[in-house]
Amino acid sequence: MVSPFLFPELGARADESATYHFDDEQFARAAAYGQAVEVAAGDVLFEAGDEDADLILVGTATVDIFRAAGPELPEELLLRAGPHQFVGEMTLLTGQHRILSARVAESGVIHRLRPAEFRRLMAQDAEISDLLLRGFLARRKLITVAAADNLEVIADTATRDGLALETFLKRQALPHRWIESDTDDGRRALAAAGLTASDVPVVVTPKSTLTNTNTGTLSQFLGLTYRRTPKGVADLTVIGAGPAGLAAAVYGASEGLETVLLDAVATGGQAAASSRIENYLGFPFGLSGEMLTGRAVVQALKFGAHLASPCGVVALRQEGNRHVVTLLDGTEIPSRSVILATGAAYRNLPLDRWEDFVGAGIYYAATELEARGVAGQPVTVVGGANSAGQAAIYLARQAGHVRLVVRGPDLSAGMSSYLVERIHADPRITVQTSTEVTALHGEHRLKYVTLSDRKGTADEACACFGLFCFIGATPATDFLQGVRLDSGGFVLTDVQLGTDPGPAWAAAGRLPLAFETSVPGVFAVGDVRLGSMKRVAAAVGEGASAVRSVHQALAALT
């Protein structure tokens, strides 16, 4: 769903944007990109689940957008598009299969814009592009409840698979209805589908029922996996959709590069897990990481970037002047340039049963999703940097009590002073410095932890229904071969390569550009790059700046 908090400026104008009428001149401009088609009353233009991705401009006909009848639900008319209106919403940008159905109510003429024609319209006519985008967002907001009935998920957020699914659906802003499997509603829903608890997670749609579902199979089913670009060869492939990768995709696509954006988990990266960012320029009251990265995704899609997630990359090789990105399923993406924005993988505490409790009491993010699962319960936050401080303050609003565990002796050593002051002033937060978590306890989910004072005093057993781990991360560079890394696995770029960047550069006949790695045409930005500032604003700046270097590198090839 498109959250009203993601685009609050739509506000009361959502209905107006969703039912916008083009004037004669606007309609003629837009219709010129497509083909006129005669339609008769009763014609079905598309159904929920169809791969059809045409924008439909209504000339003289009338078209109903509706939710089809289900086993327990009647058909529901949601919108009626008349002359000089359009049929379509965010699925036209994301590539997702249709989430509703459309049928001709009154005969007449419509104008179909195929995906390539639609993309050309979005790129060439700024006024029409903005009107359509506002309409898409407004429609997603208005139809989200009805559309949710077409994607019903029965799962348990207290498990790793369940939490991963809900995180994916939320990050991708996909309308859905979530039913906890371990509730009366969940058991009834499973029985109605002829399934049992062993089939969970389950996804039920009007056309199919998926059992033991994970994010990869769901993404493929919804049409969100990678599809070859119209050109066949991408100008720019961005690996990683955190702030740096999103910025690169926005600037690359907006400047005319055929841009592919990939992420192994979900859009937003670690930044999307931040409950509140207060030091990002232009937002004096702060904003959530979800809001910042969610808006960036819409921008990238608006400009024509091809987004695929989850879409893991397992290899990167060079073939002549091209680079080949290999995906987990063996798919290969040829690309003229690549930006590495893979960020870093969360660090774990070296404790027995850690993996058993990930997603079942151990979390690497503190958003509304995780906080809801520990409401009223005691939790522990581990870490001494800003991310841990932000998490502690956010969780204190919903958890029964928050214990902030810091390995070092001084909370202010790695945390901004404004956060330190708020934490010390909050009676719902207990700070324990010079302390470590040394053991985990519970059966199927975490119930309590053992804390050990590093000064050698007695251990302490503390009730803990959520252990939130913010102890840093290691660069996600395992798949790279031939790209020079430092001893910690971070990517070396430009001047860090020294006076002898490698034999490839002699063949290229030039020196590395800003953010360029030891492989010509491959760039690195954000947390994966050695010496990056590990701040959201810096990552955005690096991603945007790297695109300038990409243009220079591509120009050198022609």
Protein backbone atom coordinates (compact mmCIF):
# COMPACT_ATOMS: atom_id res chain seq x y z
CA MET A 1 0.00 0.00 0.00
CA VAL A 2 1.08 3.62 -0.41
CA SER A 3 1.03 4.95 3.11
CA PRO A 4 -0.62 8.35 3.64
CA PHE A 5 2.38 9.11 5.82
CA LEU A 6 4.71 8.48 2.88
CA PHE A 7 3.03 11.14 0.75
CA PRO A 8 1.04 13.30 3.21
CA GLU A 9 0.85 16.15 0.68
CA LEU A 10 -1.78 14.16 -1.23
CA GLY A 11 -4.06 14.66 1.77
CA ALA A 12 -7.58 15.64 0.85
CA ARG A 13 -6.50 15.90 -2.80
CA ALA A 14 -6.26 12.13 -3.13
CA ASP A 15 -9.81 11.81 -4.52
CA GLU A 16 -9.23 14.70 -6.91
CA SER A 17 -5.94 13.25 -8.19
CA ALA A 18 -7.39 9.75 -8.51
CA THR A 19 -10.26 10.97 -10.72
CA TYR A 20 -8.40 13.68 -12.63
CA HIS A 21 -9.84 14.72 -16.02
CA PHE A 22 -7.32 15.74 -18.67
CA ASP A 23 -8.32 18.82 -20.62
CA ASP A 24 -8.62 18.50 -24.40
CA GLU A 25 -5.07 19.59 -25.11
CA GLN A 26 -3.54 17.38 -22.39
CA PHE A 27 -5.52 14.36 -23.53
CA ALA A 28 -4.53 14.84 -27.16
CA ARG A 29 -0.84 15.05 -26.19
CA ALA A 30 -1.02 11.88 -24.12
CA ALA A 31 -3.17 9.91 -26.58
CA ALA A 32 -0.72 10.65 -29.40
CA TYR A 33 1.68 8.15 -27.76
CA GLY A 34 -0.77 5.23 -28.06
CA GLN A 35 -3.26 3.53 -30.35
CA ALA A 36 -7.01 4.09 -30.49
CA VAL A 37 -9.12 0.95 -29.92
CA GLU A 38 -12.90 0.45 -30.22
CA VAL A 39 -14.34 -1.38 -27.18
CA ALA A 40 -17.82 -2.69 -26.41
CA ALA A 41 -19.72 -2.80 -23.13
CA GLY A 42 -18.78 -5.91 -21.19
CA ASP A 43 -15.27 -6.22 -22.65
CA VAL A 44 -12.77 -7.16 -19.93
CA LEU A 45 -9.63 -5.05 -20.40
CA PHE A 46 -7.62 -6.92 -17.77
CA GLU A 47 -8.06 -9.04 -14.65
CA ALA A 48 -6.29 -9.18 -11.29
CA GLY A 49 -3.08 -11.16 -11.75
CA ASP A 50 -2.65 -10.32 -15.44
CA GLU A 51 0.79 -9.30 -16.67
CA ASP A 52 -0.80 -6.60 -18.85
CA ALA A 53 1.01 -3.31 -18.23
CA ASP A 54 -0.69 -0.88 -20.64
CA LEU A 55 -1.78 2.59 -19.63
CA ILE A 56 -5.34 3.09 -20.83
CA LEU A 57 -6.60 6.56 -21.68
CA VAL A 58 -10.38 6.69 -21.93
CA GLY A 59 -11.62 8.53 -25.02
CA THR A 60 -15.39 8.16 -25.38
CA ALA A 61 -15.99 4.94 -23.44
CA THR A 62 -16.54 4.35 -19.72
CA VAL A 63 -14.45 1.80 -17.82
CA ASP A 64 -15.10 0.26 -14.39
CA ILE A 65 -12.19 -0.70 -12.14
CA PHE A 66 -13.37 -3.33 -9.69
CA ARG A 67 -12.41 -6.08 -7.31
CA ALA A 68 -13.67 -9.36 -8.69
CA ALA A 69 -15.98 -11.50 -6.58
CA GLY A 70 -14.33 -14.12 -4.40
CA PRO A 71 -15.55 -17.13 -2.39
CA GLU A 72 -16.71 -14.88 0.45
CA LEU A 73 -16.64 -11.44 -1.17
CA PRO A 74 -19.01 -9.83 -3.67
CA GLU A 75 -17.71 -7.88 -6.65
CA GLU A 76 -16.93 -4.29 -5.62
CA LEU A 77 -16.81 -1.28 -7.94
CA LEU A 78 -13.95 0.97 -6.86
CA LEU A 79 -13.53 3.57 -9.59
CA ARG A 80 -15.28 4.52 -12.83
CA ALA A 81 -13.15 6.19 -15.50
CA GLY A 82 -14.99 8.25 -18.07
CA PRO A 83 -13.91 10.36 -21.05
CA HIS A 84 -10.52 12.09 -20.63
CA GLN A 85 -9.62 9.98 -17.59
CA PHE A 86 -7.14 7.08 -17.35
CA VAL A 87 -6.98 3.50 -16.11
CA GLY A 88 -3.84 2.47 -14.25
CA GLU A 89 -1.95 2.84 -10.98
CA MET A 90 1.45 2.11 -9.43
CA THR A 91 1.73 -1.37 -10.99
CA LEU A 92 2.48 0.36 -14.32
CA LEU A 93 5.71 1.68 -12.78
CA THR A 94 6.70 -1.30 -10.66
CA GLY A 95 5.94 -3.95 -13.28
CA GLN A 96 3.81 -5.88 -10.78
CA HIS A 97 0.92 -7.90 -12.17
CA ARG A 98 -2.44 -6.14 -12.06
CA ILE A 99 -4.02 -6.02 -8.61
CA LEU A 100 -7.58 -5.24 -9.76
CA SER A 101 -9.76 -5.85 -12.83
CA ALA A 102 -11.20 -3.49 -15.47
CA ARG A 103 -14.30 -3.88 -17.64
CA VAL A 104 -15.93 -1.61 -20.23
CA ALA A 105 -19.20 -0.18 -18.88
CA GLU A 106 -20.15 1.93 -21.94
CA SER A 107 -18.92 1.34 -25.49
CA GLY A 108 -16.57 3.78 -27.16
CA VAL A 109 -12.90 4.41 -27.83
CA ILE A 110 -9.91 3.92 -25.55
CA HIS A 111 -6.24 4.62 -26.24
CA ARG A 112 -3.73 1.92 -25.22
CA LEU A 113 -0.15 2.90 -24.44
CA ARG A 114 2.16 -0.12 -24.42
CA PRO A 115 4.93 -0.12 -21.78
CA ALA A 116 7.53 1.43 -24.13
CA GLU A 117 5.06 4.11 -25.22
CA PHE A 118 4.05 4.78 -21.62
CA ARG A 119 7.71 5.14 -20.59
CA ARG A 120 8.32 7.53 -23.46
CA LEU A 121 5.37 9.67 -22.36
CA MET A 122 6.65 9.74 -18.76
CA ALA A 123 10.12 10.78 -19.94
CA GLN A 124 9.11 13.39 -22.51
CA ASP A 125 6.10 15.21 -21.05
CA ALA A 126 6.78 16.49 -17.53
CA GLU A 127 3.27 17.88 -16.97
CA ILE A 128 1.47 14.67 -17.96
CA SER A 129 4.05 12.61 -16.07
CA ASP A 130 3.39 14.50 -12.82
CA LEU A 131 -0.39 14.26 -13.24
CA LEU A 132 -0.21 10.52 -13.85
CA LEU A 133 2.16 9.95 -10.92
CA ARG A 134 -0.10 11.83 -8.54
CA GLY A 135 -3.04 9.84 -9.86
CA PHE A 136 -1.22 6.52 -9.43
CA LEU A 137 -0.30 7.31 -5.83
CA ALA A 138 -3.76 8.60 -4.98
CA ARG A 139 -5.42 5.53 -6.47
CA ARG A 140 -3.15 3.16 -4.58
CA LYS A 141 -4.10 5.00 -1.39
CA LEU A 142 -7.83 4.83 -2.15
CA ILE A 143 -8.00 1.22 -3.33
CA THR A 144 -5.52 -0.31 -0.91
CA VAL A 145 -8.12 -1.92 1.38
CA ALA A 146 -10.08 -3.52 -1.46
CA ALA A 147 -6.90 -4.56 -3.31
CA ALA A 148 -5.61 -6.19 -0.14
CA ASP A 149 -8.31 -8.86 -0.49
CA ASN A 150 -6.56 -10.06 -3.65
CA LEU A 151 -3.35 -10.85 -1.74
CA GLU A 152 -4.00 -12.60 1.55
CA VAL A 153 -0.98 -13.75 3.56
CA ILE A 154 -1.30 -16.28 6.39
CA ALA A 155 1.95 -16.38 8.35
CA ASP A 156 3.56 -15.89 11.74
CA THR A 157 5.65 -12.75 12.27
CA ALA A 158 7.28 -14.43 15.27
CA THR A 159 9.17 -16.65 12.80
CA ARG A 160 12.03 -15.71 10.50
CA ASP A 161 10.10 -16.52 7.31
CA GLY A 162 7.01 -14.66 8.45
CA LEU A 163 8.92 -11.54 9.47
CA ALA A 164 10.86 -11.57 6.19
CA LEU A 165 7.62 -11.75 4.21
CA GLU A 166 5.93 -8.92 6.07
CA THR A 167 9.06 -6.77 5.84
CA PHE A 168 9.22 -7.38 2.09
CA LEU A 169 5.53 -6.55 1.57
CA LYS A 170 5.81 -3.40 3.66
CA ARG A 171 9.03 -2.18 2.00
CA GLN A 172 7.59 -2.84 -1.48
CA ALA A 173 4.35 -1.04 -0.49
CA LEU A 174 2.23 -3.96 -1.74
CA PRO A 175 -1.46 -3.97 -0.76
CA HIS A 176 -2.13 -7.14 1.20
CA ARG A 177 -4.15 -8.59 4.04
CA TRP A 178 -2.04 -10.12 6.80
CA ILE A 179 -3.47 -12.87 9.00
CA GLU A 180 -1.42 -14.25 11.87
CA SER A 181 -1.47 -18.02 11.47
CA ASP A 182 -1.42 -18.73 15.20
CA THR A 183 -4.78 -17.06 15.84
CA ASP A 184 -8.41 -18.13 15.48
CA ASP A 185 -8.68 -16.09 12.25
CA GLY A 186 -5.53 -17.72 10.93
CA ARG A 187 -6.70 -21.24 11.71
CA ARG A 188 -10.07 -20.54 10.06
CA ALA A 189 -8.36 -19.13 6.97
CA LEU A 190 -6.11 -22.19 6.69
CA ALA A 191 -9.06 -24.54 7.09
CA ALA A 192 -11.04 -22.65 4.44
CA ALA A 193 -8.13 -23.12 2.00
CA GLY A 194 -7.81 -26.82 2.94
CA LEU A 195 -4.37 -26.24 4.45
CA THR A 196 -2.61 -26.85 7.76
CA ALA A 197 0.07 -25.13 9.84
CA SER A 198 2.74 -27.09 7.96
CA ASP A 199 1.86 -25.10 4.81
CA VAL A 200 2.62 -21.71 6.41
CA PRO A 201 3.57 -19.14 5.14
CA VAL A 202 0.60 -19.20 2.74
CA VAL A 203 -0.35 -16.66 0.08
CA VAL A 204 -3.90 -16.76 -1.29
CA THR A 205 -4.84 -14.87 -4.48
CA PRO A 206 -7.91 -15.06 -6.74
CA LYS A 207 -6.01 -17.34 -9.14
CA SER A 208 -3.54 -19.30 -7.02
CA THR A 209 -2.61 -20.44 -3.53
CA LEU A 210 1.10 -20.58 -2.64
CA THR A 211 2.32 -22.67 0.28
CA ASN A 212 5.61 -22.50 2.21
CA THR A 213 6.19 -19.18 0.50
CA ASN A 214 9.32 -17.06 0.77
CA THR A 215 10.10 -13.59 -0.54
CA GLY A 216 11.72 -14.94 -3.70
CA THR A 217 8.79 -17.08 -4.81
CA LEU A 218 6.29 -14.35 -3.92
CA SER A 219 8.26 -11.73 -5.86
CA GLN A 220 8.37 -13.99 -8.91
CA PHE A 221 4.65 -14.73 -8.65
CA LEU A 222 3.82 -11.00 -8.49
CA GLY A 223 6.03 -10.16 -11.46
CA LEU A 224 8.60 -8.17 -9.47
CA THR A 225 11.69 -10.18 -10.42
CA TYR A 226 14.22 -8.99 -12.98
CA ARG A 227 13.06 -8.63 -16.58
CA ARG A 228 15.42 -7.86 -19.42
CA THR A 229 15.44 -4.20 -20.38
CA PRO A 230 14.08 -3.12 -23.78
CA LYS A 231 17.62 -2.47 -25.03
CA GLY A 232 18.87 -5.85 -23.82
CA VAL A 233 22.00 -4.19 -22.43
CA ALA A 234 21.71 -1.81 -19.46
CA ASP A 235 23.65 1.44 -19.46
CA LEU A 236 23.92 1.25 -15.68
CA THR A 237 23.26 -1.55 -13.21
CA VAL A 238 23.09 -0.50 -9.56
CA ILE A 239 23.57 -3.33 -7.06
CA GLY A 240 21.96 -2.41 -3.75
CA ALA A 241 18.88 -0.25 -3.13
CA GLY A 242 19.83 1.62 0.03
CA PRO A 243 20.12 5.42 -0.01
CA ALA A 244 23.30 5.39 -2.14
CA GLY A 245 21.89 2.95 -4.69
CA LEU A 246 18.53 4.71 -4.85
CA ALA A 247 20.22 8.06 -5.44
CA ALA A 248 22.31 6.53 -8.23
CA ALA A 249 19.19 5.02 -9.82
CA VAL A 250 17.27 8.30 -9.64
CA TYR A 251 20.07 10.34 -11.21
CA GLY A 252 21.00 7.67 -13.74
CA ALA A 253 17.45 7.13 -14.97
CA SER A 254 16.57 10.85 -14.94
CA GLU A 255 19.63 11.58 -17.10
CA GLY A 256 18.63 9.10 -19.77
CA LEU A 257 20.61 6.00 -18.80
CA GLU A 258 18.87 2.64 -19.13
CA THR A 259 19.11 1.87 -15.41
CA VAL A 260 18.58 -1.41 -13.55
CA LEU A 261 18.35 -1.39 -9.74
CA LEU A 262 18.78 -4.67 -7.83
CA ASP A 263 18.52 -5.51 -4.15
CA ALA A 264 18.95 -8.88 -2.47
CA VAL A 265 16.40 -8.23 0.30
CA ALA A 266 14.11 -5.24 -0.21
CA THR A 267 14.41 -1.59 -1.15
CA GLY A 268 15.70 0.85 1.44
CA GLY A 269 18.64 -1.05 2.91
CA GLN A 270 19.58 -0.42 6.53
CA ALA A 271 18.25 3.14 6.32
CA ALA A 272 14.69 1.84 5.88
CA ALA A 273 15.03 0.18 9.29
CA SER A 274 15.67 3.52 11.00
CA SER A 275 12.66 4.70 12.98
CA ARG A 276 13.70 8.35 12.82
CA ILE A 277 16.36 10.36 10.96
CA GLU A 278 16.67 13.85 12.43
CA ASN A 279 19.84 15.16 10.79
CA TYR A 280 18.88 14.84 7.12
CA LEU A 281 18.98 18.21 5.38
CA GLY A 282 15.57 19.78 4.84
CA PHE A 283 13.62 17.75 7.41
CA PRO A 284 13.90 19.66 10.73
CA PHE A 285 11.26 17.46 12.39
CA GLY A 286 12.89 14.27 11.17
CA LEU A 287 11.51 11.50 9.04
CA SER A 288 11.57 7.74 9.08
CA GLY A 289 13.95 5.78 6.93
CA GLU A 290 10.93 4.11 5.37
CA MET A 291 9.53 7.46 4.26
CA LEU A 292 12.85 8.69 2.84
CA THR A 293 13.64 5.53 0.89
CA GLY A 294 10.01 4.93 -0.12
CA ARG A 295 9.87 8.31 -1.81
CA ALA A 296 13.20 7.63 -3.50
CA VAL A 297 11.82 4.37 -4.93
CA VAL A 298 8.87 6.23 -6.47
CA GLN A 299 11.27 8.80 -7.95
CA ALA A 300 13.45 6.11 -9.50
CA LEU A 301 10.41 4.34 -10.97
CA LYS A 302 9.01 7.62 -12.30
CA PHE A 303 12.18 8.24 -14.29
CA GLY A 304 12.12 4.74 -15.74
CA ALA A 305 14.54 2.73 -13.58
CA HIS A 306 13.92 -1.03 -13.71
CA LEU A 307 13.68 -2.28 -10.12
CA ALA A 308 13.97 -5.93 -9.09
CA SER A 309 13.80 -7.15 -5.50
CA PRO A 310 14.62 -9.50 -3.89
CA CYS A 311 17.27 -10.15 -6.48
CA GLY A 312 20.57 -11.48 -5.15
CA VAL A 313 23.80 -11.03 -7.12
CA VAL A 314 26.35 -13.85 -6.98
CA ALA A 315 29.01 -12.72 -9.47
CA LEU A 316 30.33 -9.82 -11.51
CA ARG A 317 32.72 -10.24 -14.43
CA GLN A 318 34.07 -8.16 -17.28
CA GLU A 319 33.71 -9.08 -20.94
CA GLY A 320 35.48 -6.54 -23.12
CA ASN A 321 33.93 -3.14 -22.49
CA ARG A 322 30.87 -4.70 -20.83
CA HIS A 323 30.21 -6.06 -17.37
CA VAL A 324 28.04 -9.08 -16.70
CA VAL A 325 26.05 -9.27 -13.46
CA THR A 326 24.99 -12.82 -12.55
CA LEU A 327 21.91 -13.29 -10.39
CA LEU A 328 21.19 -16.05 -7.90
CA ASP A 329 18.99 -17.90 -10.41
CA GLY A 330 21.71 -17.80 -13.08
CA THR A 331 20.24 -14.88 -15.04
CA GLU A 332 22.92 -12.64 -16.55
CA ILE A 333 22.55 -8.88 -16.98
CA PRO A 334 24.97 -7.30 -19.48
CA SER A 335 25.70 -3.70 -18.53
CA ARG A 336 27.94 -0.91 -19.80
CA SER A 337 28.65 0.24 -16.23
CA VAL A 338 28.00 -0.92 -12.66
CA ILE A 339 27.64 0.90 -9.35
CA LEU A 340 28.24 -1.19 -6.23
CA ALA A 341 25.98 0.06 -3.42
CA THR A 342 25.66 -3.22 -1.56
CA GLY A 343 26.18 -1.66 1.86
CA ALA A 344 27.08 -3.96 4.69
CA ALA A 345 25.67 -7.06 6.37
CA TYR A 346 24.64 -6.88 10.02
CA ARG A 347 27.10 -8.24 12.56
CA ASN A 348 25.99 -10.94 14.97
CA LEU A 349 27.01 -11.58 18.55
CA PRO A 350 29.06 -14.81 18.82
CA LEU A 351 26.47 -16.62 20.92
CA ASP A 352 24.99 -20.11 20.85
CA ARG A 353 21.56 -20.35 19.20
CA TRP A 354 21.83 -16.89 17.65
CA GLU A 355 20.53 -18.08 14.28
CA ASP A 356 17.67 -19.94 15.98
CA PHE A 357 16.25 -16.70 17.31
CA VAL A 358 16.79 -14.38 14.33
CA GLY A 359 13.29 -13.18 13.45
CA ALA A 360 11.96 -14.91 16.58
CA GLY A 361 13.21 -12.46 19.17
CA ILE A 362 16.43 -11.15 17.57
CA TYR A 363 16.06 -8.19 15.22
CA TYR A 364 18.32 -5.87 13.23
CA ALA A 365 15.75 -3.12 12.84
CA ALA A 366 13.44 -1.16 15.11
CA THR A 367 10.45 -0.11 13.04
CA GLU A 368 6.71 -0.23 13.70
CA LEU A 369 6.70 -3.82 12.48
CA GLU A 370 9.16 -5.09 15.08
CA ALA A 371 7.85 -2.82 17.85
CA ARG A 372 4.34 -4.19 17.39
CA GLY A 373 5.61 -7.69 18.13
CA VAL A 374 7.15 -6.69 21.48
CA ALA A 375 4.49 -4.23 22.68
CA GLY A 376 4.34 -4.15 26.47
CA GLN A 377 7.30 -6.54 26.83
CA PRO A 378 10.86 -5.92 28.08
CA VAL A 379 13.46 -5.60 25.32
CA THR A 380 17.22 -5.17 25.06
CA VAL A 381 19.05 -2.95 22.59
CA VAL A 382 22.74 -3.71 22.00
CA GLY A 383 25.08 -1.06 20.60
CA GLY A 384 26.58 2.33 21.35
CA ALA A 385 26.13 4.25 18.09
CA ASN A 386 23.30 6.49 16.84
CA SER A 387 21.28 3.61 15.37
CA ALA A 388 21.11 1.94 18.79
CA GLY A 389 20.15 5.20 20.47
CA GLN A 390 17.38 5.90 17.95
CA ALA A 391 16.08 2.36 18.39
CA ALA A 392 16.01 2.62 22.19
CA ILE A 393 14.06 5.89 22.11
CA TYR A 394 11.58 4.55 19.55
CA LEU A 395 11.02 1.22 21.30
CA ALA A 396 10.48 2.94 24.66
CA ARG A 397 7.13 4.19 23.34
CA GLN A 398 5.73 0.68 22.93
CA ALA A 399 7.87 -1.85 24.81
CA GLY A 400 7.39 -2.51 28.51
CA HIS A 401 10.94 -1.41 29.26
CA VAL A 402 14.13 -0.90 27.25
CA ARG A 403 17.56 -1.94 28.45
CA LEU A 404 20.38 -0.33 26.40
CA VAL A 405 23.50 -2.49 26.67
CA VAL A 406 26.81 -0.85 25.70
CA ARG A 407 30.12 -2.70 25.64
CA GLY A 408 32.18 0.44 26.27
CA PRO A 409 32.33 2.49 29.46
CA ASP A 410 30.86 5.70 28.03
CA LEU A 411 27.61 6.07 26.08
CA SER A 412 28.70 9.39 24.58
CA ALA A 413 31.82 7.89 22.99
CA GLY A 414 29.97 6.81 19.84
CA MET A 415 26.57 8.48 20.07
CA SER A 416 25.40 12.02 19.26
CA SER A 417 24.90 14.19 22.32
CA TYR A 418 21.23 14.93 21.57
CA LEU A 419 20.45 11.21 21.69
CA VAL A 420 22.48 10.66 24.87
CA GLU A 421 20.56 13.41 26.64
CA ARG A 422 17.17 12.02 25.58
CA ILE A 423 18.09 8.50 26.65
CA HIS A 424 19.28 9.55 30.12
CA ALA A 425 16.11 11.63 30.56
CA ASP A 426 13.76 8.76 29.65
CA PRO A 427 12.70 6.68 32.69
CA ARG A 428 11.63 3.86 30.37
CA ILE A 429 15.26 3.26 29.33
CA THR A 430 17.96 1.72 31.52
CA VAL A 431 21.53 2.15 30.32
CA GLN A 432 24.11 -0.47 31.23
CA THR A 433 27.64 0.36 30.10
CA SER A 434 30.66 -1.98 30.25
CA THR A 435 28.16 -4.80 29.76
CA GLU A 436 27.74 -7.64 27.25
CA VAL A 437 25.03 -10.12 26.34
CA THR A 438 26.60 -13.53 26.97
CA ALA A 439 23.74 -16.04 26.58
CA LEU A 440 20.32 -16.46 24.96
CA HIS A 441 17.44 -18.46 26.40
CA GLY A 442 14.08 -19.68 25.15
CA GLU A 443 12.45 -22.56 23.30
CA HIS A 444 10.97 -21.48 19.96
CA ARG A 445 11.49 -17.76 20.58
CA LEU A 446 13.70 -15.63 22.79
CA LYS A 447 12.48 -15.21 26.38
CA TYR A 448 15.45 -13.86 28.35
CA VAL A 449 19.17 -13.09 28.08
CA THR A 450 22.19 -13.22 30.35
CA LEU A 451 24.09 -9.95 30.85
CA SER A 452 27.68 -9.94 32.10
CA ASP A 453 29.45 -6.94 33.55
CA ARG A 454 32.86 -6.64 31.90
CA LYS A 455 34.31 -5.62 35.26
CA GLY A 456 33.83 -9.19 36.47
CA THR A 457 30.78 -8.89 38.73
CA ALA A 458 28.00 -11.49 38.79
CA ASP A 459 25.93 -12.32 35.70
CA GLU A 460 22.35 -11.07 35.50
CA ALA A 461 19.40 -12.85 33.88
CA CYS A 462 16.94 -10.39 32.29
CA ALA A 463 13.57 -11.00 30.68
CA CYS A 464 13.90 -10.11 26.99
CA PHE A 465 11.27 -10.65 24.31
CA GLY A 466 13.24 -8.67 21.75
CA LEU A 467 17.00 -8.33 21.35
CA PHE A 468 17.73 -5.49 18.92
CA CYS A 469 21.28 -5.72 17.62
CA PHE A 470 23.05 -2.60 16.34
CA ILE A 471 26.75 -3.46 16.62
CA GLY A 472 27.81 -2.50 13.11
CA ALA A 473 28.17 -4.40 9.90
CA THR A 474 30.69 -5.91 7.49
CA PRO A 475 30.83 -4.91 3.80
CA ALA A 476 28.78 -7.07 1.44
CA THR A 477 31.54 -7.86 -1.04
CA ASP A 478 31.75 -11.67 -0.97
CA PHE A 479 30.58 -11.97 -4.58
CA LEU A 480 33.27 -9.66 -5.99
CA GLN A 481 36.27 -11.02 -7.87
CA GLY A 482 38.93 -8.82 -9.42
CA VAL A 483 37.77 -5.70 -7.55
CA ARG A 484 40.47 -4.55 -5.13
CA LEU A 485 39.43 -4.58 -1.45
CA ASP A 486 41.18 -3.56 1.76
CA SER A 487 41.90 -6.03 4.57
CA GLY A 488 38.41 -5.44 6.01
CA GLY A 489 36.65 -6.18 2.73
CA PHE A 490 35.79 -2.58 1.84
CA VAL A 491 36.11 -1.48 -1.80
CA LEU A 492 39.01 0.80 -2.76
CA THR A 493 38.17 3.65 -5.15
CA ASP A 494 39.93 6.42 -7.13
CA VAL A 495 42.91 7.85 -5.18
CA GLN A 496 42.83 4.93 -2.73
CA LEU A 497 44.11 2.74 -5.58
CA GLY A 498 47.43 4.62 -5.52
CA THR A 499 49.68 5.57 -8.39
CA ASP A 500 49.42 2.09 -9.93
CA PRO A 501 45.70 1.26 -10.08
CA GLY A 502 46.33 -1.95 -12.05
CA PRO A 503 46.91 -3.29 -15.56
CA ALA A 504 43.30 -2.75 -16.62
CA TRP A 505 43.87 0.98 -16.47
CA ALA A 506 46.77 0.90 -18.90
CA ALA A 507 44.44 -0.76 -21.42
CA ALA A 508 41.72 1.78 -20.65
CA GLY A 509 44.12 4.64 -21.36
CA ARG A 510 42.93 6.76 -18.45
CA LEU A 511 43.01 7.03 -14.68
CA PRO A 512 40.16 6.06 -12.32
CA LEU A 513 37.37 8.61 -11.98
CA ALA A 514 35.74 9.60 -8.70
CA PHE A 515 34.23 6.49 -7.01
CA GLU A 516 35.68 4.17 -9.69
CA THR A 517 37.19 0.89 -8.52
CA SER A 518 40.17 -1.11 -9.79
CA VAL A 519 37.91 -2.34 -12.63
CA PRO A 520 37.18 0.38 -15.21
CA GLY A 521 33.45 1.08 -15.41
CA VAL A 522 32.69 -0.35 -11.96
CA PHE A 523 32.05 2.19 -9.20
CA ALA A 524 31.41 1.90 -5.45
CA VAL A 525 29.36 4.19 -3.20
CA GLY A 526 27.96 4.21 0.32
CA ASP A 527 28.87 1.90 3.18
CA VAL A 528 30.63 -0.65 0.97
CA ARG A 529 33.29 1.90 -0.03
CA LEU A 530 36.42 2.36 2.08
CA GLY A 531 36.32 5.68 3.91
CA SER A 532 32.61 6.41 3.44
CA MET A 533 31.02 8.54 6.16
CA LYS A 534 28.31 6.02 7.12
CA ARG A 535 25.63 8.69 7.06
CA VAL A 536 22.45 8.70 4.96
CA ALA A 537 23.09 12.16 3.50
CA ALA A 538 26.64 11.23 2.53
CA ALA A 539 25.44 8.01 0.88
CA VAL A 540 22.86 9.92 -1.17
CA GLY A 541 25.55 12.40 -2.24
CA GLU A 542 27.92 9.62 -3.26
CA GLY A 543 25.27 7.80 -5.28
CA ALA A 544 24.31 10.96 -7.16
CA SER A 545 27.92 12.04 -7.74
CA ALA A 546 28.98 8.63 -9.03
CA VAL A 547 26.53 8.98 -11.93
CA ARG A 548 28.57 11.90 -13.26
CA SER A 549 31.60 9.62 -13.32
CA VAL A 550 29.53 6.97 -15.09
CA HIS A 551 28.71 9.44 -17.86
CA GLN A 552 32.41 10.28 -18.23
CA ALA A 553 33.38 6.61 -18.35
CA LEU A 554 30.74 5.80 -20.96
CA ALA A 555 31.78 8.79 -23.05
CA ALA A 556 35.36 7.48 -23.05
CA LEU A 557 34.13 4.24 -24.65
CA THR A 558 32.58 5.96 -27.67
